[in-house]
Amino acid sequence: MNAIAYYFVNAMESETSAIARGLRRRDPDLLDRLIEQYQHRLLRYLVYLSGNRDLAEDLFQETWIRVLERGAISTMAGTNSARGSTRWRGI
């Protein structure tokens, strides 16, 4: 792996670890930042999938509840941040 790719992989792993730590602490600022960063894309995607704005908004809220729950579950189960990061894909 070249140096540039290695840098970006490490930066992404570091960011993922920071997100996992924040979720374990139930950091409200982290959730605010995540929602701010992803809200528009996520809502558009959910509207596209469901074809219904009201349903998409319900799914949007449920998604963030699950993010918080999964962060707490990974803490209780003793999941390390590397394994916990795969949980994002299952939400």
PDB file of N, CA and C in Angstrom:
ATOM      1  N   MET A   1       0.860  -1.166   0.000  1.00  0.00           N
ATOM      2  CA  MET A   1       0.000   0.000   0.000  1.00  0.00           C
ATOM      3  C   MET A   1       0.908   1.232   0.000  1.00  0.00           C
ATOM      4  N   ASN A   2       0.582   2.182  -0.851  1.00  0.00           N
ATOM      5  CA  ASN A   2       1.431   3.367  -0.900  1.00  0.00           C
ATOM      6  C   ASN A   2       1.151   4.287   0.287  1.00  0.00           C
ATOM      7  N   ALA A   3       2.008   5.251   0.496  1.00  0.00           N
ATOM      8  CA  ALA A   3       1.944   6.110   1.680  1.00  0.00           C
ATOM      9  C   ALA A   3       0.652   6.922   1.747  1.00  0.00           C
ATOM     10  N   ILE A   4       0.169   7.402   0.622  1.00  0.00           N
ATOM     11  CA  ILE A   4      -1.051   8.218   0.620  1.00  0.00           C
ATOM     12  C   ILE A   4      -2.252   7.367   1.014  1.00  0.00           C
ATOM     13  N   ALA A   5      -2.360   6.196   0.419  1.00  0.00           N
ATOM     14  CA  ALA A   5      -3.471   5.305   0.760  1.00  0.00           C
ATOM     15  C   ALA A   5      -3.399   4.912   2.229  1.00  0.00           C
ATOM     16  N   TYR A   6      -2.215   4.626   2.724  1.00  0.00           N
ATOM     17  CA  TYR A   6      -2.036   4.259   4.128  1.00  0.00           C
ATOM     18  C   TYR A   6      -2.500   5.384   5.043  1.00  0.00           C
ATOM     19  N   TYR A   7      -2.168   6.620   4.689  1.00  0.00           N
ATOM     20  CA  TYR A   7      -2.583   7.780   5.480  1.00  0.00           C
ATOM     21  C   TYR A   7      -4.106   7.864   5.567  1.00  0.00           C
ATOM     22  N   PHE A   8      -4.785   7.701   4.425  1.00  0.00           N
ATOM     23  CA  PHE A   8      -6.240   7.822   4.411  1.00  0.00           C
ATOM     24  C   PHE A   8      -6.911   6.666   5.147  1.00  0.00           C
ATOM     25  N   VAL A   9      -6.369   5.466   5.022  1.00  0.00           N
ATOM     26  CA  VAL A   9      -6.929   4.321   5.746  1.00  0.00           C
ATOM     27  C   VAL A   9      -6.802   4.553   7.245  1.00  0.00           C
ATOM     28  N   ASN A  10      -5.632   5.011   7.690  1.00  0.00           N
ATOM     29  CA  ASN A  10      -5.443   5.289   9.117  1.00  0.00           C
ATOM     30  C   ASN A  10      -6.341   6.417   9.597  1.00  0.00           C
ATOM     31  N   ALA A  11      -6.516   7.434   8.788  1.00  0.00           N
ATOM     32  CA  ALA A  11      -7.389   8.556   9.164  1.00  0.00           C
ATOM     33  C   ALA A  11      -8.832   8.083   9.298  1.00  0.00           C
ATOM     34  N   MET A  12      -9.283   7.231   8.386  1.00  0.00           N
ATOM     35  CA  MET A  12     -10.651   6.710   8.460  1.00  0.00           C
ATOM     36  C   MET A  12     -10.828   5.819   9.684  1.00  0.00           C
ATOM     37  N   GLU A  13      -9.836   4.986   9.976  1.00  0.00           N
ATOM     38  CA  GLU A  13      -9.923   4.122  11.156  1.00  0.00           C
ATOM     39  C   GLU A  13      -9.948   4.967  12.426  1.00  0.00           C
ATOM     40  N   SER A  14      -9.169   6.035  12.439  1.00  0.00           N
ATOM     41  CA  SER A  14      -9.142   6.919  13.595  1.00  0.00           C
ATOM     42  C   SER A  14     -10.490   7.600  13.776  1.00  0.00           C
ATOM     43  N   GLU A  15     -11.084   8.064  12.691  1.00  0.00           N
ATOM     44  CA  GLU A  15     -12.391   8.713  12.754  1.00  0.00           C
ATOM     45  C   GLU A  15     -13.460   7.722  13.212  1.00  0.00           C
ATOM     46  N   THR A  16     -13.408   6.503  12.688  1.00  0.00           N
ATOM     47  CA  THR A  16     -14.364   5.473  13.081  1.00  0.00           C
ATOM     48  C   THR A  16     -14.234   5.154  14.558  1.00  0.00           C
ATOM     49  N   SER A  17     -12.999   5.078  15.048  1.00  0.00           N
ATOM     50  CA  SER A  17     -12.770   4.816  16.475  1.00  0.00           C
ATOM     51  C   SER A  17     -13.320   5.957  17.329  1.00  0.00           C
ATOM     52  N   ALA A  18     -13.129   7.183  16.878  1.00  0.00           N
ATOM     53  CA  ALA A  18     -13.640   8.341  17.619  1.00  0.00           C
ATOM     54  C   ALA A  18     -15.168   8.326  17.656  1.00  0.00           C
ATOM     55  N   ILE A  19     -15.791   7.954  16.554  1.00  0.00           N
ATOM     56  CA  ILE A  19     -17.247   7.869  16.511  1.00  0.00           C
ATOM     57  C   ILE A  19     -17.733   6.775  17.465  1.00  0.00           C
ATOM     58  N   ALA A  20     -17.070   5.625  17.433  1.00  0.00           N
ATOM     59  CA  ALA A  20     -17.466   4.520  18.318  1.00  0.00           C
ATOM     60  C   ALA A  20     -17.326   4.920  19.787  1.00  0.00           C
ATOM     61  N   ARG A  21     -16.234   5.600  20.131  1.00  0.00           N
ATOM     62  CA  ARG A  21     -16.043   6.047  21.518  1.00  0.00           C
ATOM     63  C   ARG A  21     -17.136   7.032  21.922  1.00  0.00           C
ATOM     64  N   GLY A  22     -17.474   7.948  21.027  1.00  0.00           N
ATOM     65  CA  GLY A  22     -18.526   8.926  21.313  1.00  0.00           C
ATOM     66  C   GLY A  22     -19.881   8.271  21.500  1.00  0.00           C
ATOM     67  N   LEU A  23     -20.170   7.250  20.695  1.00  0.00           N
ATOM     68  CA  LEU A  23     -21.435   6.539  20.840  1.00  0.00           C
ATOM     69  C   LEU A  23     -21.479   5.784  22.159  1.00  0.00           C
ATOM     70  N   ARG A  24     -20.364   5.197  22.544  1.00  0.00           N
ATOM     71  CA  ARG A  24     -20.329   4.488  23.825  1.00  0.00           C
ATOM     72  C   ARG A  24     -20.586   5.428  24.989  1.00  0.00           C
ATOM     73  N   ARG A  25     -20.084   6.651  24.875  1.00  0.00           N
ATOM     74  CA  ARG A  25     -20.294   7.654  25.927  1.00  0.00           C
ATOM     75  C   ARG A  25     -21.658   8.327  25.800  1.00  0.00           C
ATOM     76  N   ARG A  26     -22.361   8.001  24.719  1.00  0.00           N
ATOM     77  CA  ARG A  26     -23.651   8.646  24.399  1.00  0.00           C
ATOM     78  C   ARG A  26     -23.484  10.170  24.323  1.00  0.00           C
ATOM     79  N   ASP A  27     -22.443  10.562  23.609  1.00  0.00           N
ATOM     80  CA  ASP A  27     -22.095  11.973  23.447  1.00  0.00           C
ATOM     81  C   ASP A  27     -23.135  12.672  22.572  1.00  0.00           C
ATOM     82  N   PRO A  28     -23.929  13.591  23.134  1.00  0.00           N
ATOM     83  CA  PRO A  28     -24.973  14.259  22.342  1.00  0.00           C
ATOM     84  C   PRO A  28     -24.381  15.149  21.244  1.00  0.00           C
ATOM     85  N   ASP A  29     -23.197  15.702  21.475  1.00  0.00           N
ATOM     86  CA  ASP A  29     -22.563  16.531  20.450  1.00  0.00           C
ATOM     87  C   ASP A  29     -22.188  15.694  19.233  1.00  0.00           C
ATOM     88  N   LEU A  30     -21.750  14.459  19.470  1.00  0.00           N
ATOM     89  CA  LEU A  30     -21.399  13.577  18.359  1.00  0.00           C
ATOM     90  C   LEU A  30     -22.630  13.288  17.512  1.00  0.00           C
ATOM     91  N   LEU A  31     -23.721  12.941  18.164  1.00  0.00           N
ATOM     92  CA  LEU A  31     -24.943  12.655  17.402  1.00  0.00           C
ATOM     93  C   LEU A  31     -25.382  13.877  16.610  1.00  0.00           C
ATOM     94  N   ASP A  32     -25.292  15.058  17.203  1.00  0.00           N
ATOM     95  CA  ASP A  32     -25.631  16.293  16.483  1.00  0.00           C
ATOM     96  C   ASP A  32     -24.760  16.463  15.250  1.00  0.00           C
ATOM     97  N   ARG A  33     -23.456  16.219  15.405  1.00  0.00           N
ATOM     98  CA  ARG A  33     -22.537  16.350  14.261  1.00  0.00           C
ATOM     99  C   ARG A  33     -22.849  15.325  13.177  1.00  0.00           C
ATOM    100  N   LEU A  34     -23.129  14.080  13.585  1.00  0.00           N
ATOM    101  CA  LEU A  34     -23.461  13.048  12.598  1.00  0.00           C
ATOM    102  C   LEU A  34     -24.744  13.387  11.852  1.00  0.00           C
ATOM    103  N   ILE A  35     -25.758  13.815  12.593  1.00  0.00           N
ATOM    104  CA  ILE A  35     -27.021  14.184  11.947  1.00  0.00           C
ATOM    105  C   ILE A  35     -26.801  15.344  10.991  1.00  0.00           C
ATOM    106  N   GLU A  36     -26.072  16.352  11.443  1.00  0.00           N
ATOM    107  CA  GLU A  36     -25.811  17.513  10.586  1.00  0.00           C
ATOM    108  C   GLU A  36     -25.081  17.106   9.313  1.00  0.00           C
ATOM    109  N   GLN A  37     -24.136  16.196   9.445  1.00  0.00           N
ATOM    110  CA  GLN A  37     -23.322  15.785   8.296  1.00  0.00           C
ATOM    111  C   GLN A  37     -24.107  14.913   7.315  1.00  0.00           C
ATOM    112  N   TYR A  38     -24.981  14.043   7.838  1.00  0.00           N
ATOM    113  CA  TYR A  38     -25.617  13.045   6.977  1.00  0.00           C
ATOM    114  C   TYR A  38     -27.120  13.216   6.778  1.00  0.00           C
ATOM    115  N   GLN A  39     -27.748  14.181   7.439  1.00  0.00           N
ATOM    116  CA  GLN A  39     -29.207  14.244   7.416  1.00  0.00           C
ATOM    117  C   GLN A  39     -29.801  14.392   6.025  1.00  0.00           C
ATOM    118  N   HIS A  40     -29.252  15.256   5.206  1.00  0.00           N
ATOM    119  CA  HIS A  40     -29.855  15.501   3.896  1.00  0.00           C
ATOM    120  C   HIS A  40     -29.719  14.288   2.982  1.00  0.00           C
ATOM    121  N   ARG A  41     -28.531  13.700   2.964  1.00  0.00           N
ATOM    122  CA  ARG A  41     -28.329  12.523   2.113  1.00  0.00           C
ATOM    123  C   ARG A  41     -29.194  11.358   2.577  1.00  0.00           C
ATOM    124  N   LEU A  42     -29.224  11.150   3.887  1.00  0.00           N
ATOM    125  CA  LEU A  42     -29.989  10.031   4.425  1.00  0.00           C
ATOM    126  C   LEU A  42     -31.482  10.209   4.158  1.00  0.00           C
ATOM    127  N   LEU A  43     -31.999  11.394   4.419  1.00  0.00           N
ATOM    128  CA  LEU A  43     -33.429  11.625   4.192  1.00  0.00           C
ATOM    129  C   LEU A  43     -33.782  11.472   2.711  1.00  0.00           C
ATOM    130  N   ARG A  44     -32.955  12.016   1.829  1.00  0.00           N
ATOM    131  CA  ARG A  44     -33.214  11.852   0.388  1.00  0.00           C
ATOM    132  C   ARG A  44     -33.241  10.372   0.011  1.00  0.00           C
ATOM    133  N   TYR A  45     -32.285   9.620   0.545  1.00  0.00           N
ATOM    134  CA  TYR A  45     -32.214   8.198   0.240  1.00  0.00           C
ATOM    135  C   TYR A  45     -33.453   7.461   0.759  1.00  0.00           C
ATOM    136  N   LEU A  46     -33.888   7.798   1.961  1.00  0.00           N
ATOM    137  CA  LEU A  46     -35.066   7.145   2.531  1.00  0.00           C
ATOM    138  C   LEU A  46     -36.345   7.509   1.778  1.00  0.00           C
ATOM    139  N   VAL A  47     -36.443   8.750   1.324  1.00  0.00           N
ATOM    140  CA  VAL A  47     -37.591   9.151   0.500  1.00  0.00           C
ATOM    141  C   VAL A  47     -37.571   8.356  -0.805  1.00  0.00           C
ATOM    142  N   TYR A  48     -36.389   8.220  -1.392  1.00  0.00           N
ATOM    143  CA  TYR A  48     -36.246   7.456  -2.634  1.00  0.00           C
ATOM    144  C   TYR A  48     -36.676   6.001  -2.422  1.00  0.00           C
ATOM    145  N   LEU A  49     -36.205   5.394  -1.319  1.00  0.00           N
ATOM    146  CA  LEU A  49     -36.530   3.989  -1.064  1.00  0.00           C
ATOM    147  C   LEU A  49     -38.012   3.774  -0.763  1.00  0.00           C
ATOM    148  N   SER A  50     -38.572   4.660   0.054  1.00  0.00           N
ATOM    149  CA  SER A  50     -39.948   4.458   0.507  1.00  0.00           C
ATOM    150  C   SER A  50     -40.982   5.065  -0.435  1.00  0.00           C
ATOM    151  N   GLY A  51     -40.599   6.129  -1.138  1.00  0.00           N
ATOM    152  CA  GLY A  51     -41.556   6.822  -1.993  1.00  0.00           C
ATOM    153  C   GLY A  51     -42.574   7.628  -1.208  1.00  0.00           C
ATOM    154  N   ASN A  52     -42.312   7.832   0.089  1.00  0.00           N
ATOM    155  CA  ASN A  52     -43.270   8.503   0.958  1.00  0.00           C
ATOM    156  C   ASN A  52     -42.491   9.358   1.956  1.00  0.00           C
ATOM    157  N   ARG A  53     -42.696  10.648   1.921  1.00  0.00           N
ATOM    158  CA  ARG A  53     -41.948  11.576   2.773  1.00  0.00           C
ATOM    159  C   ARG A  53     -42.195  11.330   4.266  1.00  0.00           C
ATOM    160  N   ASP A  54     -43.454  11.112   4.647  1.00  0.00           N
ATOM    161  CA  ASP A  54     -43.768  10.885   6.063  1.00  0.00           C
ATOM    162  C   ASP A  54     -43.106   9.611   6.575  1.00  0.00           C
ATOM    163  N   LEU A  55     -43.180   8.548   5.797  1.00  0.00           N
ATOM    164  CA  LEU A  55     -42.534   7.301   6.184  1.00  0.00           C
ATOM    165  C   LEU A  55     -41.020   7.484   6.259  1.00  0.00           C
ATOM    166  N   ALA A  56     -40.465   8.203   5.304  1.00  0.00           N
ATOM    167  CA  ALA A  56     -39.019   8.450   5.296  1.00  0.00           C
ATOM    168  C   ALA A  56     -38.584   9.204   6.546  1.00  0.00           C
ATOM    169  N   GLU A  57     -39.380  10.164   6.990  1.00  0.00           N
ATOM    170  CA  GLU A  57     -39.039  10.904   8.209  1.00  0.00           C
ATOM    171  C   GLU A  57     -39.088  10.000   9.437  1.00  0.00           C
ATOM    172  N   ASP A  58     -40.051   9.086   9.483  1.00  0.00           N
ATOM    173  CA  ASP A  58     -40.114   8.123  10.587  1.00  0.00           C
ATOM    174  C   ASP A  58     -38.888   7.210  10.570  1.00  0.00           C
ATOM    175  N   LEU A  59     -38.537   6.733   9.388  1.00  0.00           N
ATOM    176  CA  LEU A  59     -37.357   5.876   9.258  1.00  0.00           C
ATOM    177  C   LEU A  59     -36.083   6.631   9.626  1.00  0.00           C
ATOM    178  N   PHE A  60     -36.030   7.894   9.270  1.00  0.00           N
ATOM    179  CA  PHE A  60     -34.889   8.744   9.588  1.00  0.00           C
ATOM    180  C   PHE A  60     -34.684   8.807  11.102  1.00  0.00           C
ATOM    181  N   GLN A  61     -35.760   9.063  11.826  1.00  0.00           N
ATOM    182  CA  GLN A  61     -35.668   9.126  13.286  1.00  0.00           C
ATOM    183  C   GLN A  61     -35.280   7.772  13.867  1.00  0.00           C
ATOM    184  N   GLU A  62     -35.856   6.720  13.353  1.00  0.00           N
ATOM    185  CA  GLU A  62     -35.543   5.372  13.840  1.00  0.00           C
ATOM    186  C   GLU A  62     -34.073   5.025  13.590  1.00  0.00           C
ATOM    187  N   THR A  63     -33.538   5.490  12.489  1.00  0.00           N
ATOM    188  CA  THR A  63     -32.126   5.236  12.182  1.00  0.00           C
ATOM    189  C   THR A  63     -31.230   5.808  13.262  1.00  0.00           C
ATOM    190  N   TRP A  64     -31.469   7.043  13.672  1.00  0.00           N
ATOM    191  CA  TRP A  64     -30.609   7.665  14.681  1.00  0.00           C
ATOM    192  C   TRP A  64     -30.802   7.028  16.055  1.00  0.00           C
ATOM    193  N   ILE A  65     -32.008   6.567  16.338  1.00  0.00           N
ATOM    194  CA  ILE A  65     -32.223   5.838  17.600  1.00  0.00           C
ATOM    195  C   ILE A  65     -31.394   4.558  17.590  1.00  0.00           C
ATOM    196  N   ARG A  66     -31.388   3.875  16.472  1.00  0.00           N
ATOM    197  CA  ARG A  66     -30.600   2.638  16.371  1.00  0.00           C
ATOM    198  C   ARG A  66     -29.108   2.910  16.456  1.00  0.00           C
ATOM    199  N   VAL A  67     -28.667   4.007  15.905  1.00  0.00           N
ATOM    200  CA  VAL A  67     -27.242   4.361  16.023  1.00  0.00           C
ATOM    201  C   VAL A  67     -26.862   4.460  17.494  1.00  0.00           C
ATOM    202  N   LEU A  68     -27.681   5.151  18.272  1.00  0.00           N
ATOM    203  CA  LEU A  68     -27.407   5.274  19.707  1.00  0.00           C
ATOM    204  C   LEU A  68     -27.495   3.926  20.407  1.00  0.00           C
ATOM    205  N   GLU A  69     -28.509   3.141  20.096  1.00  0.00           N
ATOM    206  CA  GLU A  69     -28.665   1.832  20.733  1.00  0.00           C
ATOM    207  C   GLU A  69     -27.504   0.912  20.411  1.00  0.00           C
ATOM    208  N   ARG A  70     -27.090   0.893  19.178  1.00  0.00           N
ATOM    209  CA  ARG A  70     -25.994   0.001  18.784  1.00  0.00           C
ATOM    210  C   ARG A  70     -24.686   0.431  19.421  1.00  0.00           C
ATOM    211  N   GLY A  71     -24.508   1.712  19.602  1.00  0.00           N
ATOM    212  CA  GLY A  71     -23.312   2.181  20.302  1.00  0.00           C
ATOM    213  C   GLY A  71     -23.301   1.690  21.734  1.00  0.00           C
ATOM    214  N   ALA A  72     -24.453   1.716  22.384  1.00  0.00           N
ATOM    215  CA  ALA A  72     -24.560   1.233  23.766  1.00  0.00           C
ATOM    216  C   ALA A  72     -24.392  -0.277  23.821  1.00  0.00           C
ATOM    217  N   ILE A  73     -24.945  -0.988  22.856  1.00  0.00           N
ATOM    218  CA  ILE A  73     -24.839  -2.448  22.834  1.00  0.00           C
ATOM    219  C   ILE A  73     -23.390  -2.866  22.656  1.00  0.00           C
ATOM    220  N   SER A  74     -22.662  -2.189  21.767  1.00  0.00           N
ATOM    221  CA  SER A  74     -21.272  -2.571  21.551  1.00  0.00           C
ATOM    222  C   SER A  74     -20.446  -2.345  22.804  1.00  0.00           C
ATOM    223  N   THR A  75     -20.813  -1.366  23.620  1.00  0.00           N
ATOM    224  CA  THR A  75     -20.119  -1.126  24.881  1.00  0.00           C
ATOM    225  C   THR A  75     -20.426  -2.239  25.865  1.00  0.00           C
ATOM    226  N   MET A  76     -21.692  -2.595  25.986  1.00  0.00           N
ATOM    227  CA  MET A  76     -22.076  -3.639  26.935  1.00  0.00           C
ATOM    228  C   MET A  76     -21.480  -4.979  26.547  1.00  0.00           C
ATOM    229  N   ALA A  77     -21.371  -5.230  25.256  1.00  0.00           N
ATOM    230  CA  ALA A  77     -20.841  -6.512  24.793  1.00  0.00           C
ATOM    231  C   ALA A  77     -19.316  -6.516  24.783  1.00  0.00           C
ATOM    232  N   GLY A  78     -18.700  -5.374  25.065  1.00  0.00           N
ATOM    233  CA  GLY A  78     -17.248  -5.302  25.052  1.00  0.00           C
ATOM    234  C   GLY A  78     -16.666  -5.308  23.654  1.00  0.00           C
ATOM    235  N   THR A  79     -17.439  -4.875  22.696  1.00  0.00           N
ATOM    236  CA  THR A  79     -16.992  -4.857  21.312  1.00  0.00           C
ATOM    237  C   THR A  79     -15.929  -3.795  21.130  1.00  0.00           C
ATOM    238  N   ASN A  80     -14.832  -4.176  20.480  1.00  0.00           N
ATOM    239  CA  ASN A  80     -13.804  -3.165  20.217  1.00  0.00           C
ATOM    240  C   ASN A  80     -14.228  -2.304  19.041  1.00  0.00           C
ATOM    241  N   SER A  81     -13.580  -1.177  18.873  1.00  0.00           N
ATOM    242  CA  SER A  81     -14.010  -0.218  17.850  1.00  0.00           C
ATOM    243  C   SER A  81     -13.847  -0.760  16.443  1.00  0.00           C
ATOM    244  N   ALA A  82     -12.880  -1.640  16.217  1.00  0.00           N
ATOM    245  CA  ALA A  82     -12.690  -2.178  14.870  1.00  0.00           C
ATOM    246  C   ALA A  82     -13.877  -3.058  14.481  1.00  0.00           C
ATOM    247  N   ARG A  83     -14.319  -3.931  15.406  1.00  0.00           N
ATOM    248  CA  ARG A  83     -15.479  -4.768  15.119  1.00  0.00           C
ATOM    249  C   ARG A  83     -16.747  -3.953  15.176  1.00  0.00           C
ATOM    250  N   GLY A  84     -16.824  -2.996  16.085  1.00  0.00           N
ATOM    251  CA  GLY A  84     -18.023  -2.178  16.221  1.00  0.00           C
ATOM    252  C   GLY A  84     -18.305  -1.352  14.990  1.00  0.00           C
ATOM    253  N   SER A  85     -17.256  -0.984  14.266  1.00  0.00           N
ATOM    254  CA  SER A  85     -17.458  -0.146  13.085  1.00  0.00           C
ATOM    255  C   SER A  85     -18.231  -0.882  12.001  1.00  0.00           C
ATOM    256  N   THR A  86     -18.174  -2.230  11.995  1.00  0.00           N
ATOM    257  CA  THR A  86     -18.933  -2.967  10.996  1.00  0.00           C
ATOM    258  C   THR A  86     -20.421  -2.877  11.253  1.00  0.00           C
ATOM    259  N   ARG A  87     -20.818  -2.545  12.482  1.00  0.00           N
ATOM    260  CA  ARG A  87     -22.228  -2.431  12.813  1.00  0.00           C
ATOM    261  C   ARG A  87     -22.903  -1.298  12.050  1.00  0.00           C
ATOM    262  N   TRP A  88     -22.152  -0.278  11.655  1.00  0.00           N
ATOM    263  CA  TRP A  88     -22.738   0.841  10.902  1.00  0.00           C
ATOM    264  C   TRP A  88     -23.417   0.336   9.647  1.00  0.00           C
ATOM    265  N   ARG A  89     -22.829  -0.693   9.021  1.00  0.00           N
ATOM    266  CA  ARG A  89     -23.393  -1.191   7.766  1.00  0.00           C
ATOM    267  C   ARG A  89     -24.675  -1.957   7.990  1.00  0.00           C
ATOM    268  N   GLY A  90     -24.911  -2.421   9.224  1.00  0.00           N
ATOM    269  CA  GLY A  90     -26.090  -3.223   9.485  1.00  0.00           C
ATOM    270  C   GLY A  90     -27.282  -2.425   9.973  1.00  0.00           C
ATOM    271  N   ILE A  91     -27.126  -1.142  10.111  1.00  0.00           N
ATOM    272  CA  ILE A  91     -28.212  -0.313  10.643  1.00  0.00           C
ATOM    273  C   ILE A  91     -29.296  -0.138   9.619  1.00  0.00           C
TER     274      ILE A  91
END
